[in-house]
Amino acid sequence: MNALARSFEAAGLSTVVINIMPVWGERFGTPRTLGVEFPFGHTLGPPGDAALQTRVVRAALALLEAPGPPPLVRHFGEPWPGDFDEWKRAWHPKEPSPIIRWMREQAERRARERQATGG
């Protein structure tokens, strides 16, 4: 997402990324990032909450008029409307997806290798 936003910006198109992990916008130089503290998969808010979703989109669009050069990172000030932990539990699958399982296995393998070599 970050690289795509930078590519669009290089072509003259302004971009805003709405992200639940705005640190990636800071780290990778996304031109404009709106950070939301919402559960994964619900970047704009809960399903059916059109009023909150509209406020999130308007906050993102307001970044296009924000003073200062990119990269800009702003945080959406409204909390998740409800029990955040309950939403996370409801979203998380019981079993990890194949790519997540593979990534976890690779990380565990690298950790074992580091431990075996003393590094």
C-alpha atoms as a PDB file:
ATOM      1  CA  MET A   1       0.000   0.000   0.000  1.00  0.00           C
ATOM      2  CA  ASN A   2       2.796   2.397   0.916  1.00  0.00           C
ATOM      3  CA  ALA A   3       4.731   1.806  -2.308  1.00  0.00           C
ATOM      4  CA  LEU A   4       1.553   2.143  -4.363  1.00  0.00           C
ATOM      5  CA  ALA A   5       0.724   5.467  -2.699  1.00  0.00           C
ATOM      6  CA  ARG A   6       4.250   6.761  -3.388  1.00  0.00           C
ATOM      7  CA  SER A   7       3.957   5.646  -7.032  1.00  0.00           C
ATOM      8  CA  PHE A   8       0.647   7.462  -7.458  1.00  0.00           C
ATOM      9  CA  GLU A   9       2.109  10.575  -5.840  1.00  0.00           C
ATOM     10  CA  ALA A  10       5.082  10.462  -8.220  1.00  0.00           C
ATOM     11  CA  ALA A  11       2.564  10.455 -11.091  1.00  0.00           C
ATOM     12  CA  GLY A  12       0.883  13.567  -9.662  1.00  0.00           C
ATOM     13  CA  LEU A  13      -2.046  11.932  -7.847  1.00  0.00           C
ATOM     14  CA  SER A  14      -2.557  12.781  -4.183  1.00  0.00           C
ATOM     15  CA  THR A  15      -3.156   9.834  -1.866  1.00  0.00           C
ATOM     16  CA  VAL A  16      -4.297   9.106   1.672  1.00  0.00           C
ATOM     17  CA  VAL A  17      -3.924   5.689   3.298  1.00  0.00           C
ATOM     18  CA  ILE A  18      -6.239   4.755   6.173  1.00  0.00           C
ATOM     19  CA  ASN A  19      -4.331   2.298   8.305  1.00  0.00           C
ATOM     20  CA  ILE A  20      -4.766   0.479  11.604  1.00  0.00           C
ATOM     21  CA  MET A  21      -0.963   0.468  11.889  1.00  0.00           C
ATOM     22  CA  PRO A  22       0.108   4.043  11.104  1.00  0.00           C
ATOM     23  CA  VAL A  23       3.675   3.255  12.159  1.00  0.00           C
ATOM     24  CA  TRP A  24       4.098   1.684   8.715  1.00  0.00           C
ATOM     25  CA  GLY A  25       3.177   4.997   7.138  1.00  0.00           C
ATOM     26  CA  GLU A  26       5.819   6.688   9.247  1.00  0.00           C
ATOM     27  CA  ARG A  27       8.429   4.018   8.618  1.00  0.00           C
ATOM     28  CA  PHE A  28       7.932   3.632   4.866  1.00  0.00           C
ATOM     29  CA  GLY A  29       7.097   7.215   3.960  1.00  0.00           C
ATOM     30  CA  THR A  30       3.478   6.947   2.920  1.00  0.00           C
ATOM     31  CA  PRO A  31       2.639  10.510   1.829  1.00  0.00           C
ATOM     32  CA  ARG A  32      -0.491  10.836   4.007  1.00  0.00           C
ATOM     33  CA  THR A  33      -1.696   8.346   6.588  1.00  0.00           C
ATOM     34  CA  LEU A  34      -4.779   8.425   8.786  1.00  0.00           C
ATOM     35  CA  GLY A  35      -4.281   6.062  11.719  1.00  0.00           C
ATOM     36  CA  VAL A  36      -7.382   4.438  13.171  1.00  0.00           C
ATOM     37  CA  GLU A  37      -7.416   2.331  16.340  1.00  0.00           C
ATOM     38  CA  PHE A  38      -9.942  -0.143  15.024  1.00  0.00           C
ATOM     39  CA  PRO A  39      -9.835  -3.947  14.799  1.00  0.00           C
ATOM     40  CA  PHE A  40      -8.205  -5.551  11.785  1.00  0.00           C
ATOM     41  CA  GLY A  41     -10.566  -5.727   8.838  1.00  0.00           C
ATOM     42  CA  HIS A  42     -12.705  -2.820  10.054  1.00  0.00           C
ATOM     43  CA  THR A  43     -10.617   0.151   8.950  1.00  0.00           C
ATOM     44  CA  LEU A  44     -13.637   2.399   8.419  1.00  0.00           C
ATOM     45  CA  GLY A  45     -15.625   1.180  11.412  1.00  0.00           C
ATOM     46  CA  PRO A  46     -18.243  -1.452  12.143  1.00  0.00           C
ATOM     47  CA  PRO A  47     -20.462  -2.753   9.352  1.00  0.00           C
ATOM     48  CA  GLY A  48     -23.583  -0.656   8.983  1.00  0.00           C
ATOM     49  CA  ASP A  49     -22.268   2.365  10.909  1.00  0.00           C
ATOM     50  CA  ALA A  50     -22.471   4.775   7.984  1.00  0.00           C
ATOM     51  CA  ALA A  51     -22.099   7.848  10.198  1.00  0.00           C
ATOM     52  CA  LEU A  52     -18.757   6.693  11.642  1.00  0.00           C
ATOM     53  CA  GLN A  53     -17.546   5.461   8.264  1.00  0.00           C
ATOM     54  CA  THR A  54     -18.326   8.872   6.781  1.00  0.00           C
ATOM     55  CA  ARG A  55     -16.394  10.631   9.564  1.00  0.00           C
ATOM     56  CA  VAL A  56     -13.368   8.411   8.935  1.00  0.00           C
ATOM     57  CA  VAL A  57     -13.433   9.098   5.185  1.00  0.00           C
ATOM     58  CA  ARG A  58     -13.864  12.835   5.755  1.00  0.00           C
ATOM     59  CA  ALA A  59     -10.928  12.858   8.177  1.00  0.00           C
ATOM     60  CA  ALA A  60      -8.838  11.083   5.541  1.00  0.00           C
ATOM     61  CA  LEU A  61      -9.840  13.550   2.840  1.00  0.00           C
ATOM     62  CA  ALA A  62      -9.019  16.442   5.172  1.00  0.00           C
ATOM     63  CA  LEU A  63      -5.398  15.281   5.095  1.00  0.00           C
ATOM     64  CA  LEU A  64      -5.279  16.372   1.457  1.00  0.00           C
ATOM     65  CA  GLU A  65      -5.644  19.954   2.696  1.00  0.00           C
ATOM     66  CA  ALA A  66      -3.366  19.595   5.728  1.00  0.00           C
ATOM     67  CA  PRO A  67      -0.464  22.023   5.889  1.00  0.00           C
ATOM     68  CA  GLY A  68       3.055  20.771   5.608  1.00  0.00           C
ATOM     69  CA  PRO A  69       4.870  18.494   3.221  1.00  0.00           C
ATOM     70  CA  PRO A  70       4.379  14.739   3.160  1.00  0.00           C
ATOM     71  CA  PRO A  71       4.809  12.433   4.933  1.00  0.00           C
ATOM     72  CA  LEU A  72       1.927  13.345   7.222  1.00  0.00           C
ATOM     73  CA  VAL A  73       0.516  10.982   9.824  1.00  0.00           C
ATOM     74  CA  ARG A  74      -2.625  11.926  11.724  1.00  0.00           C
ATOM     75  CA  HIS A  75      -4.632   9.876  14.169  1.00  0.00           C
ATOM     76  CA  PHE A  76      -8.404   9.586  14.011  1.00  0.00           C
ATOM     77  CA  GLY A  77      -9.556  10.763  17.405  1.00  0.00           C
ATOM     78  CA  GLU A  78     -12.626   8.603  17.889  1.00  0.00           C
ATOM     79  CA  PRO A  79     -12.382   5.284  19.713  1.00  0.00           C
ATOM     80  CA  TRP A  80     -13.853   2.033  18.450  1.00  0.00           C
ATOM     81  CA  PRO A  81     -17.561   2.092  19.354  1.00  0.00           C
ATOM     82  CA  GLY A  82     -17.889  -1.009  21.469  1.00  0.00           C
ATOM     83  CA  ASP A  83     -15.790  -3.664  23.140  1.00  0.00           C
ATOM     84  CA  PHE A  84     -12.569  -3.625  21.115  1.00  0.00           C
ATOM     85  CA  ASP A  85     -11.350  -6.951  22.497  1.00  0.00           C
ATOM     86  CA  GLU A  86     -14.654  -8.659  21.710  1.00  0.00           C
ATOM     87  CA  TRP A  87     -14.451  -7.481  18.085  1.00  0.00           C
ATOM     88  CA  LYS A  88     -10.889  -8.764  17.812  1.00  0.00           C
ATOM     89  CA  ARG A  89     -11.894 -12.170  19.182  1.00  0.00           C
ATOM     90  CA  ALA A  90     -14.879 -12.338  16.832  1.00  0.00           C
ATOM     91  CA  TRP A  91     -12.709 -11.543  13.816  1.00  0.00           C
ATOM     92  CA  HIS A  92      -9.707 -13.769  14.521  1.00  0.00           C
ATOM     93  CA  PRO A  93      -9.984 -17.149  12.835  1.00  0.00           C
ATOM     94  CA  LYS A  94      -9.607 -20.225  15.041  1.00  0.00           C
ATOM     95  CA  GLU A  95      -6.753 -21.476  12.826  1.00  0.00           C
ATOM     96  CA  PRO A  96      -4.157 -19.257  11.136  1.00  0.00           C
ATOM     97  CA  SER A  97      -4.288 -18.896   7.375  1.00  0.00           C
ATOM     98  CA  PRO A  98      -1.700 -20.872   5.384  1.00  0.00           C
ATOM     99  CA  ILE A  99       0.500 -17.803   4.813  1.00  0.00           C
ATOM    100  CA  ILE A 100       0.438 -16.853   8.493  1.00  0.00           C
ATOM    101  CA  ARG A 101       1.195 -20.443   9.500  1.00  0.00           C
ATOM    102  CA  TRP A 102       4.128 -20.514   7.044  1.00  0.00           C
ATOM    103  CA  MET A 103       5.439 -17.135   8.272  1.00  0.00           C
ATOM    104  CA  ARG A 104       5.233 -18.318  11.885  1.00  0.00           C
ATOM    105  CA  GLU A 105       7.093 -21.538  10.992  1.00  0.00           C
ATOM    106  CA  GLN A 106       9.804 -19.545   9.218  1.00  0.00           C
ATOM    107  CA  ALA A 107      10.221 -17.191  12.182  1.00  0.00           C
ATOM    108  CA  GLU A 108      10.447 -20.151  14.578  1.00  0.00           C
ATOM    109  CA  ARG A 109      13.021 -21.842  12.320  1.00  0.00           C
ATOM    110  CA  ARG A 110      15.169 -18.686  12.191  1.00  0.00           C
ATOM    111  CA  ALA A 111      14.941 -18.342  15.982  1.00  0.00           C
ATOM    112  CA  ARG A 112      16.084 -21.956  16.437  1.00  0.00           C
ATOM    113  CA  GLU A 113      18.963 -21.415  14.004  1.00  0.00           C
ATOM    114  CA  ARG A 114      20.078 -18.257  15.837  1.00  0.00           C
ATOM    115  CA  GLN A 115      19.887 -20.069  19.149  1.00  0.00           C
ATOM    116  CA  ALA A 116      21.899 -23.023  17.800  1.00  0.00           C
ATOM    117  CA  THR A 117      24.659 -20.733  16.488  1.00  0.00           C
ATOM    118  CA  GLY A 118      24.677 -18.560  19.586  1.00  0.00           C
ATOM    119  CA  GLY A 119      23.599 -15.464  17.676  1.00  0.00           C
END
